[in-house]
Amino acid sequence: MGKINWAQKLTSRKFWLAVAAFIVGVLALFGADANTTQQVSGVILSLGAVIAYIAGEGYVDGQAASGEQKTE
């Protein structure tokens, strides 16, 4: 089995939806109310968006820095 590319996983919307679905399922199992599960899933999906943005900006900045170093 190959290595897991965590950078790609953490920027995947499918990954964050799967994490949210799992946690909401666990909350439902333990009897959490609908408001709590909705808030928790919102936080998880927001966290995924923030991580994807940070990773994307880091990638763009890294590419820009690589391009600047090659031209000098």
Protein backbone atom coordinates (compact mmCIF):
# COMPACT_ATOMS: atom_id res chain seq x y z
CA MET A 1 0.00 0.00 0.00
CA GLY A 2 1.35 3.46 -0.92
CA LYS A 3 2.00 6.43 1.29
CA ILE A 4 -0.94 8.68 2.12
CA ASN A 5 -0.61 12.22 0.79
CA TRP A 6 -1.94 14.09 3.83
CA ALA A 7 -1.59 17.50 2.22
CA GLN A 8 -3.95 16.41 -0.53
CA LYS A 9 -6.33 14.73 1.92
CA LEU A 10 -6.56 17.77 4.20
CA THR A 11 -7.49 20.03 1.28
CA SER A 12 -10.16 17.67 -0.03
CA ARG A 13 -13.81 18.67 0.46
CA LYS A 14 -14.76 15.00 0.28
CA PHE A 15 -12.45 14.24 3.22
CA TRP A 16 -13.98 16.98 5.37
CA LEU A 17 -17.51 15.91 4.47
CA ALA A 18 -16.63 12.36 5.48
CA VAL A 19 -15.17 13.59 8.79
CA ALA A 20 -18.27 15.70 9.46
CA ALA A 21 -20.61 12.83 8.59
CA PHE A 22 -18.73 10.47 10.91
CA ILE A 23 -18.76 12.89 13.84
CA VAL A 24 -22.42 13.80 13.34
CA GLY A 25 -23.21 10.08 13.28
CA VAL A 26 -21.34 9.58 16.56
CA LEU A 27 -23.14 12.56 18.10
CA ALA A 28 -26.49 11.12 16.99
CA LEU A 29 -25.54 7.77 18.51
CA PHE A 30 -24.99 9.44 21.86
CA GLY A 31 -28.24 11.42 21.66
CA ALA A 32 -26.99 14.92 20.84
CA ASP A 33 -29.73 17.28 19.69
CA ALA A 34 -30.03 18.50 16.11
CA ASN A 35 -28.74 21.98 16.96
CA THR A 36 -25.51 20.60 18.41
CA THR A 37 -24.88 18.29 15.45
CA GLN A 38 -25.53 21.14 13.03
CA GLN A 39 -23.10 23.42 14.84
CA VAL A 40 -20.40 20.74 15.04
CA SER A 41 -20.68 19.90 11.34
CA GLY A 42 -20.50 23.61 10.48
CA VAL A 43 -17.31 24.01 12.51
CA ILE A 44 -15.72 20.96 10.86
CA LEU A 45 -16.56 22.14 7.34
CA SER A 46 -15.30 25.65 8.15
CA LEU A 47 -12.05 24.18 9.44
CA GLY A 48 -11.67 22.25 6.19
CA ALA A 49 -12.14 25.44 4.17
CA VAL A 50 -9.52 27.28 6.23
CA ILE A 51 -6.99 24.46 5.87
CA ALA A 52 -7.60 24.27 2.12
CA TYR A 53 -7.10 28.03 1.79
CA ILE A 54 -3.88 28.01 3.81
CA ALA A 55 -2.49 25.05 1.85
CA GLY A 56 -3.44 26.65 -1.46
CA GLU A 57 -1.81 29.95 -0.56
CA GLY A 58 1.28 28.14 0.67
CA TYR A 59 1.51 26.27 -2.61
CA VAL A 60 1.14 29.46 -4.66
CA ASP A 61 3.74 31.24 -2.54
CA GLY A 62 6.10 28.28 -2.88
CA GLN A 63 5.71 28.26 -6.65
CA ALA A 64 6.34 32.01 -6.80
CA ALA A 65 9.48 31.64 -4.67
CA SER A 66 10.72 28.79 -6.87
CA GLY A 67 10.18 30.90 -9.98
CA GLU A 68 12.07 33.83 -8.51
CA GLN A 69 15.04 31.66 -7.56
CA LYS A 70 15.32 30.12 -11.02
CA THR A 71 15.53 33.49 -12.79
CA GLU A 72 18.36 34.85 -10.66
